[in-house]
Amino acid sequence: KFTMPILSIMNQAKGPLTISATFTAPTDGPACFVVSGSVWSGSANQTIGFSVELDGVPIGSAQIFSNAASTHRDVVPGYIPVTLTHAQHTVALVPLNAATTSDSNDRFNVMLAY
């Protein structure tokens, strides 16, 4: 049997992007961020999403290709492996590119599996 603790860092956090949260890492070692959320674009046929930053450094992203304009889209969840130190950290979600838009109708999740 395999079990892994989960730390919820953002749970249905309301947009718009950029949003951030501070947390204390529960481990000194390998972990994995699991991120999800929704975004949209005013233009059709765009890759949209958000980048994930840990302490100001980009570490990964979650994206989707949107065929339609002005439609909120769930990004494909991102699984981002990291090695943490047992200390306080800040995780931030920032727009992936200029085509990415978010507003108060978008929600975001960040979990840490360790």
N, C-alpha and C. Protein backbone atom coordinates (compact mmCIF):
# COMPACT_ATOMS: atom_id res chain seq x y z
N LYS A 1 0.85 -1.18 0.00
CA LYS A 1 0.00 0.00 0.00
C LYS A 1 0.90 1.24 0.00
N PHE A 2 0.56 2.18 -0.84
CA PHE A 2 1.33 3.42 -0.97
C PHE A 2 0.47 4.60 -0.55
N THR A 3 0.95 5.37 0.39
CA THR A 3 0.23 6.58 0.79
C THR A 3 1.15 7.77 0.68
N MET A 4 0.58 8.91 0.40
CA MET A 4 1.34 10.13 0.25
C MET A 4 0.54 11.28 0.83
N PRO A 5 1.10 12.01 1.79
CA PRO A 5 0.38 13.17 2.33
C PRO A 5 0.24 14.28 1.29
N ILE A 6 -0.81 15.05 1.45
CA ILE A 6 -1.09 16.18 0.55
C ILE A 6 -1.25 17.44 1.39
N LEU A 7 -0.61 18.52 0.95
CA LEU A 7 -0.79 19.83 1.56
C LEU A 7 -1.53 20.71 0.56
N SER A 8 -2.72 21.18 0.92
CA SER A 8 -3.47 22.08 0.06
C SER A 8 -2.96 23.51 0.28
N ILE A 9 -2.40 24.11 -0.76
CA ILE A 9 -1.84 25.46 -0.66
C ILE A 9 -2.83 26.49 -1.18
N MET A 10 -3.49 26.19 -2.29
CA MET A 10 -4.60 27.01 -2.80
C MET A 10 -5.74 26.05 -3.11
N ASN A 11 -6.93 26.38 -2.64
CA ASN A 11 -8.10 25.55 -2.90
C ASN A 11 -9.21 26.44 -3.42
N GLN A 12 -9.46 26.33 -4.72
CA GLN A 12 -10.47 27.16 -5.38
C GLN A 12 -10.19 28.65 -5.18
N ALA A 13 -8.91 29.03 -5.26
CA ALA A 13 -8.51 30.43 -5.13
C ALA A 13 -9.07 31.22 -6.32
N LYS A 14 -9.66 32.34 -6.02
CA LYS A 14 -10.34 33.16 -7.01
C LYS A 14 -9.33 34.01 -7.79
N GLY A 15 -9.50 34.02 -9.13
CA GLY A 15 -8.67 34.86 -10.00
C GLY A 15 -9.07 36.31 -9.87
N PRO A 16 -8.42 37.18 -10.58
CA PRO A 16 -7.54 36.90 -11.72
C PRO A 16 -6.09 36.63 -11.32
N LEU A 17 -5.34 36.09 -12.29
CA LEU A 17 -3.92 35.92 -12.11
C LEU A 17 -3.24 37.28 -12.17
N THR A 18 -2.21 37.51 -11.52
CA THR A 18 -1.29 36.68 -10.76
C THR A 18 -1.81 36.51 -9.33
N ILE A 19 -1.71 35.27 -8.82
CA ILE A 19 -2.05 35.02 -7.42
C ILE A 19 -0.90 34.24 -6.79
N SER A 20 -0.75 34.41 -5.48
CA SER A 20 0.34 33.71 -4.79
C SER A 20 -0.10 33.30 -3.39
N ALA A 21 0.65 32.37 -2.82
CA ALA A 21 0.41 31.91 -1.45
C ALA A 21 1.74 31.52 -0.83
N THR A 22 1.84 31.76 0.45
CA THR A 22 3.02 31.38 1.20
C THR A 22 2.70 30.14 2.02
N PHE A 23 3.66 29.21 2.10
CA PHE A 23 3.47 27.98 2.86
C PHE A 23 4.80 27.56 3.46
N THR A 24 4.73 26.74 4.49
CA THR A 24 5.92 26.15 5.07
C THR A 24 6.02 24.72 4.57
N ALA A 25 7.13 24.41 3.91
CA ALA A 25 7.30 23.07 3.35
C ALA A 25 7.32 22.04 4.48
N PRO A 26 6.53 20.98 4.34
CA PRO A 26 6.47 19.96 5.38
C PRO A 26 7.57 18.91 5.26
N THR A 27 8.49 19.10 4.31
CA THR A 27 9.51 18.10 4.07
C THR A 27 10.81 18.75 3.62
N ASP A 28 11.89 18.08 3.87
CA ASP A 28 13.20 18.40 3.29
C ASP A 28 13.47 17.32 2.25
N GLY A 29 13.04 17.55 1.03
CA GLY A 29 13.27 16.52 0.04
C GLY A 29 12.31 16.59 -1.11
N PRO A 30 12.20 15.49 -1.86
CA PRO A 30 11.38 15.46 -3.07
C PRO A 30 9.89 15.63 -2.75
N ALA A 31 9.22 16.35 -3.63
CA ALA A 31 7.78 16.56 -3.53
C ALA A 31 7.27 16.84 -4.94
N CYS A 32 5.97 17.01 -5.06
CA CYS A 32 5.38 17.28 -6.38
C CYS A 32 4.21 18.25 -6.22
N PHE A 33 4.27 19.36 -6.95
CA PHE A 33 3.14 20.27 -7.01
C PHE A 33 2.14 19.72 -8.03
N VAL A 34 0.86 19.79 -7.68
CA VAL A 34 -0.23 19.46 -8.60
C VAL A 34 -1.05 20.72 -8.73
N VAL A 35 -1.15 21.25 -9.96
CA VAL A 35 -1.82 22.53 -10.18
C VAL A 35 -2.93 22.37 -11.21
N SER A 36 -3.99 23.15 -11.02
CA SER A 36 -5.09 23.17 -11.97
C SER A 36 -5.78 24.51 -11.89
N GLY A 37 -6.62 24.80 -12.87
CA GLY A 37 -7.35 26.05 -12.88
C GLY A 37 -7.98 26.30 -14.24
N SER A 38 -8.52 27.50 -14.40
CA SER A 38 -9.15 27.86 -15.66
C SER A 38 -8.69 29.25 -16.09
N VAL A 39 -8.65 29.44 -17.40
CA VAL A 39 -8.26 30.71 -18.02
C VAL A 39 -9.05 30.85 -19.32
N TRP A 40 -8.88 31.97 -19.98
CA TRP A 40 -9.53 32.16 -21.28
C TRP A 40 -8.73 33.14 -22.12
N SER A 41 -9.11 33.26 -23.38
CA SER A 41 -8.45 34.19 -24.29
C SER A 41 -9.50 34.93 -25.11
N GLY A 42 -9.22 36.18 -25.41
CA GLY A 42 -10.11 36.95 -26.26
C GLY A 42 -9.99 36.60 -27.73
N SER A 43 -8.99 35.79 -28.07
CA SER A 43 -8.75 35.39 -29.46
C SER A 43 -8.85 33.89 -29.61
N ALA A 44 -9.30 33.44 -30.77
CA ALA A 44 -9.40 32.01 -31.04
C ALA A 44 -8.03 31.42 -31.35
N ASN A 45 -7.94 30.09 -31.21
CA ASN A 45 -6.76 29.31 -31.59
C ASN A 45 -5.49 29.78 -30.89
N GLN A 46 -5.53 29.72 -29.55
CA GLN A 46 -4.41 30.17 -28.72
C GLN A 46 -4.04 29.09 -27.71
N THR A 47 -2.75 28.95 -27.44
CA THR A 47 -2.29 28.17 -26.30
C THR A 47 -2.32 29.12 -25.10
N ILE A 48 -3.05 28.72 -24.06
CA ILE A 48 -3.21 29.57 -22.88
C ILE A 48 -2.95 28.73 -21.63
N GLY A 49 -2.74 29.40 -20.51
CA GLY A 49 -2.51 28.69 -19.27
C GLY A 49 -1.82 29.58 -18.27
N PHE A 50 -1.10 28.94 -17.34
CA PHE A 50 -0.35 29.70 -16.35
C PHE A 50 0.97 29.03 -16.04
N SER A 51 1.94 29.85 -15.69
CA SER A 51 3.23 29.37 -15.21
C SER A 51 3.19 29.29 -13.70
N VAL A 52 3.99 28.38 -13.16
CA VAL A 52 4.11 28.21 -11.71
C VAL A 52 5.50 28.67 -11.31
N GLU A 53 5.56 29.57 -10.34
CA GLU A 53 6.84 30.04 -9.83
C GLU A 53 6.97 29.66 -8.36
N LEU A 54 8.14 29.19 -7.99
CA LEU A 54 8.46 28.88 -6.60
C LEU A 54 9.56 29.84 -6.16
N ASP A 55 9.25 30.68 -5.20
CA ASP A 55 10.20 31.69 -4.70
C ASP A 55 10.75 32.54 -5.84
N GLY A 56 9.86 32.90 -6.79
CA GLY A 56 10.22 33.78 -7.89
C GLY A 56 10.88 33.11 -9.08
N VAL A 57 11.05 31.79 -9.04
CA VAL A 57 11.71 31.06 -10.14
C VAL A 57 10.67 30.19 -10.85
N PRO A 58 10.53 30.32 -12.18
CA PRO A 58 9.59 29.46 -12.91
C PRO A 58 10.00 27.99 -12.79
N ILE A 59 9.03 27.13 -12.46
CA ILE A 59 9.32 25.70 -12.30
C ILE A 59 8.44 24.82 -13.19
N GLY A 60 7.43 25.35 -13.82
CA GLY A 60 6.55 24.55 -14.65
C GLY A 60 5.33 25.34 -15.08
N SER A 61 4.38 24.64 -15.72
CA SER A 61 3.17 25.32 -16.19
C SER A 61 2.04 24.32 -16.36
N ALA A 62 0.85 24.88 -16.58
CA ALA A 62 -0.35 24.11 -16.94
C ALA A 62 -0.98 24.85 -18.11
N GLN A 63 -1.30 24.12 -19.18
CA GLN A 63 -1.72 24.77 -20.43
C GLN A 63 -2.87 24.02 -21.09
N ILE A 64 -3.48 24.70 -22.06
CA ILE A 64 -4.45 24.08 -22.96
C ILE A 64 -4.49 24.90 -24.24
N PHE A 65 -4.84 24.25 -25.34
CA PHE A 65 -5.06 24.96 -26.60
C PHE A 65 -6.55 25.25 -26.69
N SER A 66 -6.90 26.51 -26.89
CA SER A 66 -8.31 26.90 -26.97
C SER A 66 -8.66 27.29 -28.40
N ASN A 67 -9.59 26.55 -28.99
CA ASN A 67 -10.05 26.87 -30.35
C ASN A 67 -10.97 28.07 -30.37
N ALA A 68 -11.77 28.24 -29.31
CA ALA A 68 -12.78 29.30 -29.29
C ALA A 68 -12.29 30.50 -28.49
N ALA A 69 -12.79 31.66 -28.86
CA ALA A 69 -12.48 32.89 -28.13
C ALA A 69 -13.48 33.10 -27.01
N SER A 70 -13.04 33.80 -25.97
CA SER A 70 -13.91 34.25 -24.87
C SER A 70 -14.68 33.12 -24.20
N THR A 71 -14.02 31.97 -24.02
CA THR A 71 -14.61 30.82 -23.35
C THR A 71 -13.64 30.35 -22.28
N HIS A 72 -14.10 30.26 -21.05
CA HIS A 72 -13.24 29.77 -19.97
C HIS A 72 -12.90 28.31 -20.21
N ARG A 73 -11.62 27.99 -20.08
CA ARG A 73 -11.13 26.64 -20.33
C ARG A 73 -10.37 26.13 -19.11
N ASP A 74 -10.61 24.87 -18.75
CA ASP A 74 -9.78 24.21 -17.74
C ASP A 74 -8.45 23.87 -18.38
N VAL A 75 -7.36 24.19 -17.71
CA VAL A 75 -6.05 23.77 -18.20
C VAL A 75 -5.87 22.29 -17.90
N VAL A 76 -4.98 21.65 -18.63
CA VAL A 76 -4.60 20.28 -18.31
C VAL A 76 -3.78 20.37 -17.03
N PRO A 77 -4.15 19.64 -15.98
CA PRO A 77 -3.42 19.76 -14.71
C PRO A 77 -1.93 19.52 -14.89
N GLY A 78 -1.14 20.26 -14.12
CA GLY A 78 0.30 20.12 -14.18
C GLY A 78 0.82 19.38 -12.96
N TYR A 79 1.80 18.51 -13.18
CA TYR A 79 2.48 17.77 -12.12
C TYR A 79 3.95 18.17 -12.18
N ILE A 80 4.42 18.89 -11.16
CA ILE A 80 5.73 19.52 -11.21
C ILE A 80 6.59 19.00 -10.06
N PRO A 81 7.58 18.14 -10.36
CA PRO A 81 8.45 17.63 -9.29
C PRO A 81 9.40 18.72 -8.80
N VAL A 82 9.62 18.76 -7.50
CA VAL A 82 10.51 19.73 -6.88
C VAL A 82 11.26 19.06 -5.73
N THR A 83 12.35 19.68 -5.33
CA THR A 83 13.04 19.31 -4.10
C THR A 83 12.98 20.53 -3.20
N LEU A 84 12.40 20.38 -2.03
CA LEU A 84 12.17 21.50 -1.12
C LEU A 84 13.09 21.45 0.08
N THR A 85 13.23 22.59 0.70
CA THR A 85 13.85 22.67 2.01
C THR A 85 12.74 22.97 3.00
N HIS A 86 12.91 22.46 4.23
CA HIS A 86 11.90 22.70 5.26
C HIS A 86 12.02 24.16 5.69
N ALA A 87 11.26 25.02 4.98
CA ALA A 87 11.31 26.47 5.20
C ALA A 87 10.05 27.08 4.62
N GLN A 88 9.92 28.39 4.77
CA GLN A 88 8.78 29.11 4.18
C GLN A 88 9.09 29.38 2.72
N HIS A 89 8.08 29.15 1.86
CA HIS A 89 8.21 29.36 0.43
C HIS A 89 6.98 30.11 -0.08
N THR A 90 7.11 30.69 -1.27
CA THR A 90 5.98 31.34 -1.94
C THR A 90 5.80 30.71 -3.31
N VAL A 91 4.58 30.28 -3.58
CA VAL A 91 4.23 29.77 -4.90
C VAL A 91 3.31 30.79 -5.56
N ALA A 92 3.58 31.07 -6.84
CA ALA A 92 2.77 32.05 -7.58
C ALA A 92 2.34 31.45 -8.91
N LEU A 93 1.13 31.78 -9.31
CA LEU A 93 0.59 31.42 -10.62
C LEU A 93 0.50 32.69 -11.43
N VAL A 94 1.14 32.70 -12.59
CA VAL A 94 1.18 33.89 -13.44
C VAL A 94 0.72 33.52 -14.84
N PRO A 95 0.12 34.47 -15.58
CA PRO A 95 -0.33 34.15 -16.93
C PRO A 95 0.81 33.58 -17.78
N LEU A 96 0.50 32.56 -18.58
CA LEU A 96 1.49 31.91 -19.42
C LEU A 96 2.04 32.85 -20.49
N ASN A 97 1.17 33.67 -21.04
CA ASN A 97 1.56 34.54 -22.16
C ASN A 97 0.54 35.68 -22.29
N ALA A 98 0.75 36.54 -23.28
CA ALA A 98 -0.13 37.68 -23.47
C ALA A 98 -1.54 37.27 -23.91
N ALA A 99 -1.70 36.08 -24.48
CA ALA A 99 -3.02 35.60 -24.92
C ALA A 99 -3.87 35.11 -23.75
N THR A 100 -3.26 34.85 -22.60
CA THR A 100 -3.97 34.31 -21.44
C THR A 100 -4.64 35.41 -20.64
N THR A 101 -5.93 35.23 -20.39
CA THR A 101 -6.71 36.14 -19.56
C THR A 101 -7.38 35.34 -18.45
N SER A 102 -7.55 35.96 -17.31
CA SER A 102 -8.33 35.34 -16.23
C SER A 102 -9.08 36.45 -15.51
N ASP A 103 -10.13 36.06 -14.81
CA ASP A 103 -10.93 37.04 -14.08
C ASP A 103 -11.50 36.39 -12.83
N SER A 104 -12.44 37.05 -12.19
CA SER A 104 -12.99 36.55 -10.93
C SER A 104 -13.84 35.30 -11.11
N ASN A 105 -14.10 34.88 -12.34
CA ASN A 105 -14.83 33.64 -12.59
C ASN A 105 -13.91 32.43 -12.66
N ASP A 106 -12.61 32.64 -12.65
CA ASP A 106 -11.64 31.55 -12.73
C ASP A 106 -11.19 31.14 -11.33
N ARG A 107 -10.92 29.85 -11.15
CA ARG A 107 -10.47 29.31 -9.88
C ARG A 107 -9.20 28.51 -10.09
N PHE A 108 -8.38 28.44 -9.03
CA PHE A 108 -7.07 27.80 -9.14
C PHE A 108 -6.79 26.94 -7.91
N ASN A 109 -6.11 25.80 -8.15
CA ASN A 109 -5.74 24.87 -7.09
C ASN A 109 -4.24 24.61 -7.15
N VAL A 110 -3.62 24.58 -5.98
CA VAL A 110 -2.22 24.15 -5.87
C VAL A 110 -2.15 23.21 -4.68
N MET A 111 -1.69 21.97 -4.93
CA MET A 111 -1.49 20.99 -3.88
C MET A 111 -0.04 20.54 -3.92
N LEU A 112 0.48 20.16 -2.78
CA LEU A 112 1.82 19.61 -2.69
C LEU A 112 1.72 18.18 -2.19
N ALA A 113 2.17 17.24 -3.00
CA ALA A 113 2.25 15.84 -2.58
C ALA A 113 3.68 15.60 -2.13
N TYR A 114 3.84 14.99 -0.96
CA TYR A 114 5.19 14.79 -0.42
C TYR A 114 5.31 13.48 0.33
